[in-house]
Amino acid sequence: MTNEPGRRFRDAWIAGVRKRHPGEPKPGYVTPWEDTPAWEREAAAAVEGQVEAFLDVSEGHAEKLTREQKGRFVATCWIAQIHRLIPDPKPGYVADWAELPDWQRETDADIFEALEARG
């Protein structure tokens, strides 16, 4: 089901990883939605909802954000969900924007833009 909450987020993540990750990504990065762990689907659904709510309340003005601002928003929302769902997350799961590799920053911006283009 394509409109399942979090599915568009995950699809955009996988597309971004395949496009931007240097070399072969970890299998977990490109696991299909159906095989994605429940906690990760829950986090994806929450962040997708947060981005959509942000787009709604900005009344079209979010398009004026830079790609970096869009990516930072996704990354920050994701970190909050990780803290909510995982009692003692690995440092890499909650890394600040400046600590993320370029491919991940770009993928986070891709996710925002994919959700923004929801039409």
C-alpha atoms as a PDB file:
ATOM      1  CA  MET A   1       0.000   0.000   0.000  1.00  0.00           C
ATOM      2  CA  THR A   2       1.763   3.136  -1.246  1.00  0.00           C
ATOM      3  CA  ASN A   3      -0.041   5.649   0.968  1.00  0.00           C
ATOM      4  CA  GLU A   4       0.771   3.831   4.202  1.00  0.00           C
ATOM      5  CA  PRO A   5       2.202   6.437   6.633  1.00  0.00           C
ATOM      6  CA  GLY A   6       5.983   6.491   6.376  1.00  0.00           C
ATOM      7  CA  ARG A   7       6.138   4.671   3.050  1.00  0.00           C
ATOM      8  CA  ARG A   8       6.874   7.775   0.957  1.00  0.00           C
ATOM      9  CA  PHE A   9       9.563   8.763   3.468  1.00  0.00           C
ATOM     10  CA  ARG A  10      11.189   5.339   3.221  1.00  0.00           C
ATOM     11  CA  ASP A  11      10.934   5.237  -0.579  1.00  0.00           C
ATOM     12  CA  ALA A  12      12.602   8.674  -0.789  1.00  0.00           C
ATOM     13  CA  TRP A  13      15.301   7.521   1.656  1.00  0.00           C
ATOM     14  CA  ILE A  14      16.072   4.416  -0.420  1.00  0.00           C
ATOM     15  CA  ALA A  15      16.141   6.441  -3.659  1.00  0.00           C
ATOM     16  CA  GLY A  16      18.489   8.967  -2.060  1.00  0.00           C
ATOM     17  CA  VAL A  17      20.792   6.288  -0.675  1.00  0.00           C
ATOM     18  CA  ARG A  18      20.991   4.553  -4.055  1.00  0.00           C
ATOM     19  CA  LYS A  19      21.737   7.858  -5.778  1.00  0.00           C
ATOM     20  CA  ARG A  20      24.125   9.424  -3.267  1.00  0.00           C
ATOM     21  CA  HIS A  21      25.809   6.777  -1.103  1.00  0.00           C
ATOM     22  CA  PRO A  22      29.432   6.201  -2.101  1.00  0.00           C
ATOM     23  CA  GLY A  23      29.995   2.549  -2.841  1.00  0.00           C
ATOM     24  CA  GLU A  24      27.706  -0.230  -1.677  1.00  0.00           C
ATOM     25  CA  PRO A  25      25.306   0.912   1.090  1.00  0.00           C
ATOM     26  CA  LYS A  26      24.629  -1.244   4.129  1.00  0.00           C
ATOM     27  CA  PRO A  27      21.743  -3.627   3.402  1.00  0.00           C
ATOM     28  CA  GLY A  28      19.641  -2.002   6.145  1.00  0.00           C
ATOM     29  CA  TYR A  29      19.815   1.314   4.296  1.00  0.00           C
ATOM     30  CA  VAL A  30      17.929  -0.098   1.322  1.00  0.00           C
ATOM     31  CA  THR A  31      15.683  -2.679   2.995  1.00  0.00           C
ATOM     32  CA  PRO A  32      12.244  -2.602   1.350  1.00  0.00           C
ATOM     33  CA  TRP A  33       9.380  -1.138   3.363  1.00  0.00           C
ATOM     34  CA  GLU A  34       7.819  -4.525   4.052  1.00  0.00           C
ATOM     35  CA  ASP A  35      11.056  -5.773   5.665  1.00  0.00           C
ATOM     36  CA  THR A  36      11.890  -2.577   7.544  1.00  0.00           C
ATOM     37  CA  PRO A  37      11.794  -3.018  11.350  1.00  0.00           C
ATOM     38  CA  ALA A  38       8.616  -1.799  13.037  1.00  0.00           C
ATOM     39  CA  TRP A  39      10.404   0.923  15.057  1.00  0.00           C
ATOM     40  CA  GLU A  40      11.893   2.333  11.857  1.00  0.00           C
ATOM     41  CA  ARG A  41       8.538   2.317  10.066  1.00  0.00           C
ATOM     42  CA  GLU A  42       7.043   4.108  13.071  1.00  0.00           C
ATOM     43  CA  ALA A  43       9.811   6.733  12.989  1.00  0.00           C
ATOM     44  CA  ALA A  44       9.423   7.176   9.224  1.00  0.00           C
ATOM     45  CA  ALA A  45       5.671   7.667   9.603  1.00  0.00           C
ATOM     46  CA  ALA A  46       6.159  10.227  12.381  1.00  0.00           C
ATOM     47  CA  VAL A  47       8.745  12.245  10.456  1.00  0.00           C
ATOM     48  CA  GLU A  48       6.668  12.100   7.285  1.00  0.00           C
ATOM     49  CA  GLY A  49       3.760  13.477   9.304  1.00  0.00           C
ATOM     50  CA  GLN A  50       5.943  16.200  10.840  1.00  0.00           C
ATOM     51  CA  VAL A  51       7.164  17.335   7.413  1.00  0.00           C
ATOM     52  CA  GLU A  52       3.628  17.310   6.013  1.00  0.00           C
ATOM     53  CA  ALA A  53       2.328  19.323   8.987  1.00  0.00           C
ATOM     54  CA  PHE A  54       5.183  21.799   8.570  1.00  0.00           C
ATOM     55  CA  LEU A  55       4.388  22.152   4.870  1.00  0.00           C
ATOM     56  CA  ASP A  56       0.711  22.730   5.680  1.00  0.00           C
ATOM     57  CA  VAL A  57       1.296  25.418   8.310  1.00  0.00           C
ATOM     58  CA  SER A  58       3.880  27.190   6.168  1.00  0.00           C
ATOM     59  CA  GLU A  59       1.178  27.638   3.500  1.00  0.00           C
ATOM     60  CA  GLY A  60       3.591  27.147   0.609  1.00  0.00           C
ATOM     61  CA  HIS A  61       6.384  29.260   2.032  1.00  0.00           C
ATOM     62  CA  ALA A  62       8.547  26.239   2.893  1.00  0.00           C
ATOM     63  CA  GLU A  63       9.556  26.243  -0.771  1.00  0.00           C
ATOM     64  CA  LYS A  64      11.725  29.263   0.090  1.00  0.00           C
ATOM     65  CA  LEU A  65      13.881  27.182   2.438  1.00  0.00           C
ATOM     66  CA  THR A  66      17.324  26.180   1.248  1.00  0.00           C
ATOM     67  CA  ARG A  67      18.064  22.502   0.609  1.00  0.00           C
ATOM     68  CA  GLU A  68      20.186  22.551   3.749  1.00  0.00           C
ATOM     69  CA  GLN A  69      17.319  23.923   5.845  1.00  0.00           C
ATOM     70  CA  LYS A  70      15.002  21.252   4.438  1.00  0.00           C
ATOM     71  CA  GLY A  71      17.514  18.514   5.170  1.00  0.00           C
ATOM     72  CA  ARG A  72      18.191  19.823   8.671  1.00  0.00           C
ATOM     73  CA  PHE A  73      14.466  19.749   9.410  1.00  0.00           C
ATOM     74  CA  VAL A  74      14.211  16.087   8.393  1.00  0.00           C
ATOM     75  CA  ALA A  75      17.367  15.190  10.340  1.00  0.00           C
ATOM     76  CA  THR A  76      16.159  16.940  13.509  1.00  0.00           C
ATOM     77  CA  CYS A  77      12.743  15.307  13.348  1.00  0.00           C
ATOM     78  CA  TRP A  78      14.426  11.920  12.831  1.00  0.00           C
ATOM     79  CA  ILE A  79      16.703  12.399  15.857  1.00  0.00           C
ATOM     80  CA  ALA A  80      13.691  13.208  18.039  1.00  0.00           C
ATOM     81  CA  GLN A  81      11.983  10.002  16.905  1.00  0.00           C
ATOM     82  CA  ILE A  82      15.103   7.942  17.594  1.00  0.00           C
ATOM     83  CA  HIS A  83      15.211   9.301  21.144  1.00  0.00           C
ATOM     84  CA  ARG A  84      11.503   8.505  21.511  1.00  0.00           C
ATOM     85  CA  LEU A  85      11.768   4.941  20.211  1.00  0.00           C
ATOM     86  CA  ILE A  86      15.215   3.734  21.277  1.00  0.00           C
ATOM     87  CA  PRO A  87      16.174   3.981  24.981  1.00  0.00           C
ATOM     88  CA  ASP A  88      19.945   4.095  24.407  1.00  0.00           C
ATOM     89  CA  PRO A  89      20.584   4.840  20.707  1.00  0.00           C
ATOM     90  CA  LYS A  90      23.961   4.464  19.030  1.00  0.00           C
ATOM     91  CA  PRO A  91      25.676   7.865  18.645  1.00  0.00           C
ATOM     92  CA  GLY A  92      25.439   7.580  14.860  1.00  0.00           C
ATOM     93  CA  TYR A  93      21.637   7.365  15.089  1.00  0.00           C
ATOM     94  CA  VAL A  94      21.451  10.768  16.788  1.00  0.00           C
ATOM     95  CA  ALA A  95      24.384  12.548  15.145  1.00  0.00           C
ATOM     96  CA  ASP A  96      24.020  16.282  14.645  1.00  0.00           C
ATOM     97  CA  TRP A  97      23.775  17.708  11.132  1.00  0.00           C
ATOM     98  CA  ALA A  98      27.432  18.742  11.046  1.00  0.00           C
ATOM     99  CA  GLU A  99      28.470  15.158  11.840  1.00  0.00           C
ATOM    100  CA  LEU A 100      26.427  13.551   9.066  1.00  0.00           C
ATOM    101  CA  PRO A 101      28.140  12.484   5.853  1.00  0.00           C
ATOM    102  CA  ASP A 102      27.311  14.554   2.772  1.00  0.00           C
ATOM    103  CA  TRP A 103      25.330  11.727   1.165  1.00  0.00           C
ATOM    104  CA  GLN A 104      23.043  11.552   4.193  1.00  0.00           C
ATOM    105  CA  ARG A 105      22.511  15.307   4.335  1.00  0.00           C
ATOM    106  CA  GLU A 106      21.598  15.335   0.653  1.00  0.00           C
ATOM    107  CA  THR A 107      19.291  12.347   1.118  1.00  0.00           C
ATOM    108  CA  ASP A 108      17.501  14.097   4.001  1.00  0.00           C
ATOM    109  CA  ALA A 109      16.937  17.117   1.736  1.00  0.00           C
ATOM    110  CA  ASP A 110      15.697  14.767  -0.997  1.00  0.00           C
ATOM    111  CA  ILE A 111      13.167  13.330   1.451  1.00  0.00           C
ATOM    112  CA  PHE A 112      11.808  16.778   2.309  1.00  0.00           C
ATOM    113  CA  GLU A 113      11.541  17.687  -1.371  1.00  0.00           C
ATOM    114  CA  ALA A 114       9.840  14.385  -2.236  1.00  0.00           C
ATOM    115  CA  LEU A 115       7.233  14.999   0.445  1.00  0.00           C
ATOM    116  CA  GLU A 116       6.941  18.635  -0.621  1.00  0.00           C
ATOM    117  CA  ALA A 117       6.125  17.520  -4.178  1.00  0.00           C
ATOM    118  CA  ARG A 118       3.258  15.382  -2.906  1.00  0.00           C
ATOM    119  CA  GLY A 119       0.911  17.472  -5.022  1.00  0.00           C
END
